[in-house]
C-alpha atoms as a PDB file:
ATOM      1  CA  UNK A   1       7.702 -29.305 112.882  1.00  0.00           C
ATOM      2  CA  UNK A   2       7.658 -33.036 113.635  1.00  0.00           C
ATOM      3  CA  UNK A   3      10.729 -34.865 112.432  1.00  0.00           C
ATOM      4  CA  UNK A   4      11.493 -38.532 112.627  1.00  0.00           C
ATOM      5  CA  UNK A   5      14.653 -40.527 112.231  1.00  0.00           C
ATOM      6  CA  UNK A   6      14.516 -43.703 110.185  1.00  0.00           C
ATOM      7  CA  UNK A   7      17.927 -45.358 110.010  1.00  0.00           C
ATOM      8  CA  UNK A   8      19.706 -42.032 109.986  1.00  0.00           C
ATOM      9  CA  UNK A   9      17.244 -40.350 107.631  1.00  0.00           C
ATOM     10  CA  UNK A  10      15.133 -37.513 108.975  1.00  0.00           C
ATOM     11  CA  UNK A  11      11.780 -37.044 107.262  1.00  0.00           C
ATOM     12  CA  UNK A  12       9.076 -34.559 108.082  1.00  0.00           C
ATOM     13  CA  UNK A  13       5.426 -35.336 107.475  1.00  0.00           C
ATOM     14  CA  UNK A  14       5.199 -33.081 104.397  1.00  0.00           C
ATOM     15  CA  UNK A  15       8.293 -34.710 102.869  1.00  0.00           C
ATOM     16  CA  UNK A  16       6.958 -38.201 103.603  1.00  0.00           C
ATOM     17  CA  UNK A  17       3.616 -37.322 102.018  1.00  0.00           C
ATOM     18  CA  UNK A  18       5.368 -35.838  98.990  1.00  0.00           C
ATOM     19  CA  UNK A  19       7.442 -39.000  98.502  1.00  0.00           C
ATOM     20  CA  UNK A  20       4.370 -41.204  98.804  1.00  0.00           C
ATOM     21  CA  UNK A  21       2.438 -39.006  96.363  1.00  0.00           C
ATOM     22  CA  UNK A  22       5.376 -39.106  93.942  1.00  0.00           C
ATOM     23  CA  UNK A  23       5.383 -42.915  94.045  1.00  0.00           C
ATOM     24  CA  UNK A  24       1.644 -43.120  93.406  1.00  0.00           C
ATOM     25  CA  UNK A  25       1.841 -40.514  90.641  1.00  0.00           C
ATOM     26  CA  UNK A  26       4.706 -42.384  88.982  1.00  0.00           C
ATOM     27  CA  UNK A  27       2.669 -45.589  88.845  1.00  0.00           C
ATOM     28  CA  UNK A  28      -0.402 -43.775  87.518  1.00  0.00           C
ATOM     29  CA  UNK A  29       1.514 -42.000  84.748  1.00  0.00           C
ATOM     30  CA  UNK A  30       3.580 -44.970  83.616  1.00  0.00           C
ATOM     31  CA  UNK A  31       0.727 -47.486  83.695  1.00  0.00           C
ATOM     32  CA  UNK A  32      -1.217 -45.131  81.441  1.00  0.00           C
ATOM     33  CA  UNK A  33       1.828 -44.751  79.200  1.00  0.00           C
ATOM     34  CA  UNK A  34       2.382 -48.524  78.899  1.00  0.00           C
ATOM     35  CA  UNK A  35      -1.306 -49.062  78.059  1.00  0.00           C
ATOM     36  CA  UNK A  36      -1.033 -46.444  75.316  1.00  0.00           C
ATOM     37  CA  UNK A  37       2.266 -47.886  74.103  1.00  0.00           C
ATOM     38  CA  UNK A  38       0.721 -51.367  73.889  1.00  0.00           C
ATOM     39  CA  UNK A  39      -2.208 -50.046  71.811  1.00  0.00           C
ATOM     40  CA  UNK A  40       0.017 -47.918  69.551  1.00  0.00           C
ATOM     41  CA  UNK A  41      -1.039 -48.033  65.925  1.00  0.00           C
ATOM     42  CA  UNK A  42       1.196 -45.246  64.622  1.00  0.00           C
ATOM     43  CA  UNK A  43       3.959 -47.638  63.611  1.00  0.00           C
ATOM     44  CA  UNK A  44       6.393 -46.451  66.257  1.00  0.00           C
ATOM     45  CA  UNK A  45       5.948 -49.258  68.800  1.00  0.00           C
ATOM     46  CA  UNK A  46       5.171 -52.099  66.387  1.00  0.00           C
ATOM     47  CA  UNK A  47       6.260 -52.683  62.809  1.00  0.00           C
ATOM     48  CA  UNK A  48       3.981 -53.761  59.958  1.00  0.00           C
ATOM     49  CA  UNK A  49       4.307 -57.418  61.001  1.00  0.00           C
ATOM     50  CA  UNK A  50       3.183 -56.553  64.532  1.00  0.00           C
ATOM     51  CA  UNK A  51       6.615 -57.104  66.083  1.00  0.00           C
ATOM     52  CA  UNK A  52       7.885 -54.696  68.769  1.00  0.00           C
ATOM     53  CA  UNK A  53      10.351 -52.065  67.573  1.00  0.00           C
ATOM     54  CA  UNK A  54      13.342 -50.500  69.312  1.00  0.00           C
ATOM     55  CA  UNK A  55      11.072 -47.620  70.306  1.00  0.00           C
ATOM     56  CA  UNK A  56       8.800 -50.073  72.132  1.00  0.00           C
ATOM     57  CA  UNK A  57      11.649 -51.775  74.015  1.00  0.00           C
ATOM     58  CA  UNK A  58      13.341 -48.516  75.036  1.00  0.00           C
ATOM     59  CA  UNK A  59      10.105 -47.044  76.339  1.00  0.00           C
ATOM     60  CA  UNK A  60       9.123 -50.262  78.093  1.00  0.00           C
ATOM     61  CA  UNK A  61      12.521 -50.221  79.837  1.00  0.00           C
ATOM     62  CA  UNK A  62      11.941 -46.593  80.851  1.00  0.00           C
ATOM     63  CA  UNK A  63       8.530 -47.520  82.248  1.00  0.00           C
ATOM     64  CA  UNK A  64       9.888 -50.484  84.219  1.00  0.00           C
ATOM     65  CA  UNK A  65      12.684 -48.327  85.645  1.00  0.00           C
ATOM     66  CA  UNK A  66      10.165 -45.659  86.609  1.00  0.00           C
ATOM     67  CA  UNK A  67       7.911 -48.276  88.267  1.00  0.00           C
ATOM     68  CA  UNK A  68      10.852 -49.487  90.349  1.00  0.00           C
ATOM     69  CA  UNK A  69      12.019 -45.989  91.300  1.00  0.00           C
ATOM     70  CA  UNK A  70       8.463 -44.829  92.012  1.00  0.00           C
ATOM     71  CA  UNK A  71       7.921 -47.848  94.224  1.00  0.00           C
ATOM     72  CA  UNK A  72      11.173 -47.276  96.129  1.00  0.00           C
ATOM     73  CA  UNK A  73      10.403 -43.583  96.633  1.00  0.00           C
ATOM     74  CA  UNK A  74       6.839 -44.365  97.718  1.00  0.00           C
ATOM     75  CA  UNK A  75       8.095 -46.963 100.222  1.00  0.00           C
ATOM     76  CA  UNK A  76      10.440 -44.373 101.733  1.00  0.00           C
ATOM     77  CA  UNK A  77       7.448 -42.041 102.123  1.00  0.00           C
ATOM     78  CA  UNK A  78       5.351 -44.762 103.786  1.00  0.00           C
ATOM     79  CA  UNK A  79       8.185 -45.625 106.174  1.00  0.00           C
ATOM     80  CA  UNK A  80       8.553 -41.952 107.050  1.00  0.00           C
ATOM     81  CA  UNK A  81       4.832 -41.695 107.831  1.00  0.00           C
ATOM     82  CA  UNK A  82       4.877 -44.887 109.911  1.00  0.00           C
ATOM     83  CA  UNK A  83       7.854 -43.660 111.903  1.00  0.00           C
ATOM     84  CA  UNK A  84       5.947 -40.463 112.750  1.00  0.00           C
ATOM     85  CA  UNK A  85       3.196 -42.537 114.402  1.00  0.00           C
ATOM     86  CA  UNK A  86       5.611 -44.401 116.672  1.00  0.00           C
ATOM     87  CA  UNK A  87       6.035 -43.011 120.204  1.00  0.00           C
END
Protein backbone atom coordinates (compact mmCIF):
# COMPACT_ATOMS: atom_id res chain seq x y z
CA UNK A 1 0.00 0.00 0.00
CA UNK A 2 1.32 3.45 -0.91
CA UNK A 3 1.44 5.85 2.00
CA UNK A 4 2.47 9.46 2.02
CA UNK A 5 3.39 11.85 4.76
CA UNK A 6 1.97 15.35 4.63
CA UNK A 7 3.12 17.40 7.61
CA UNK A 8 3.09 14.39 9.89
CA UNK A 9 -0.15 12.97 8.51
CA UNK A 10 -0.02 9.68 6.65
CA UNK A 11 -2.72 9.19 4.04
CA UNK A 12 -3.20 6.28 1.69
CA UNK A 13 -4.75 6.72 -1.72
CA UNK A 14 -8.09 5.16 -0.69
CA UNK A 15 -8.30 7.44 2.37
CA UNK A 16 -7.43 10.51 0.29
CA UNK A 17 -10.09 9.59 -2.28
CA UNK A 18 -12.64 9.01 0.48
CA UNK A 19 -11.93 12.43 2.01
CA UNK A 20 -12.22 14.13 -1.36
CA UNK A 21 -15.47 12.29 -2.13
CA UNK A 22 -16.82 13.25 1.30
CA UNK A 23 -16.08 16.92 0.61
CA UNK A 24 -17.79 16.81 -2.79
CA UNK A 25 -20.76 14.89 -1.38
CA UNK A 26 -21.13 17.40 1.46
CA UNK A 27 -21.34 20.30 -1.00
CA UNK A 28 -23.83 18.45 -3.21
CA UNK A 29 -26.13 17.55 -0.32
CA UNK A 30 -26.07 20.91 1.42
CA UNK A 31 -26.44 23.00 -1.74
CA UNK A 32 -29.54 20.96 -2.54
CA UNK A 33 -30.78 21.43 1.02
CA UNK A 34 -30.26 25.22 0.96
CA UNK A 35 -32.08 25.48 -2.38
CA UNK A 36 -35.01 23.55 -0.91
CA UNK A 37 -34.90 25.61 2.29
CA UNK A 38 -34.98 28.84 0.27
CA UNK A 39 -38.05 27.65 -1.68
CA UNK A 40 -39.84 26.33 1.42
CA UNK A 41 -43.55 27.09 1.40
CA UNK A 42 -44.55 24.93 4.37
CA UNK A 43 -44.25 27.80 6.83
CA UNK A 44 -41.23 26.37 8.61
CA UNK A 45 -38.51 28.50 6.99
CA UNK A 46 -40.53 31.68 6.42
CA UNK A 47 -43.46 33.13 8.33
CA UNK A 48 -46.64 34.51 6.78
CA UNK A 49 -44.96 37.88 6.15
CA UNK A 50 -42.13 36.15 4.27
CA UNK A 51 -39.54 36.77 6.98
CA UNK A 52 -37.04 34.02 7.87
CA UNK A 53 -37.85 32.01 10.99
CA UNK A 54 -35.56 30.48 13.61
CA UNK A 55 -35.81 27.21 11.70
CA UNK A 56 -34.38 28.93 8.62
CA UNK A 57 -31.46 30.52 10.49
CA UNK A 58 -30.53 27.34 12.38
CA UNK A 59 -30.55 25.25 9.23
CA UNK A 60 -28.66 27.88 7.25
CA UNK A 61 -26.00 27.88 9.98
CA UNK A 62 -25.83 24.08 9.79
CA UNK A 63 -25.41 24.27 6.02
CA UNK A 64 -22.65 26.89 6.24
CA UNK A 65 -20.82 24.83 8.86
CA UNK A 66 -21.13 21.73 6.69
CA UNK A 67 -19.83 23.65 3.64
CA UNK A 68 -16.78 24.73 5.63
CA UNK A 69 -16.11 21.28 7.09
CA UNK A 70 -16.73 19.58 3.74
CA UNK A 71 -14.31 21.97 2.08
CA UNK A 72 -11.63 21.40 4.73
CA UNK A 73 -12.01 17.62 4.51
CA UNK A 74 -11.95 17.72 0.71
CA UNK A 75 -8.79 19.86 0.74
CA UNK A 76 -7.09 17.31 3.00
CA UNK A 77 -8.03 14.61 0.48
CA UNK A 78 -6.65 16.64 -2.44
CA UNK A 79 -3.41 17.31 -0.58
CA UNK A 80 -3.09 13.61 0.18
CA UNK A 81 -3.54 12.75 -3.51
CA UNK A 82 -1.04 15.40 -4.61
CA UNK A 83 1.53 14.15 -2.13
CA UNK A 84 1.21 10.64 -3.60
CA UNK A 85 2.26 11.97 -7.02
CA UNK A 86 5.44 13.59 -5.69
CA UNK A 87 8.65 11.54 -6.02
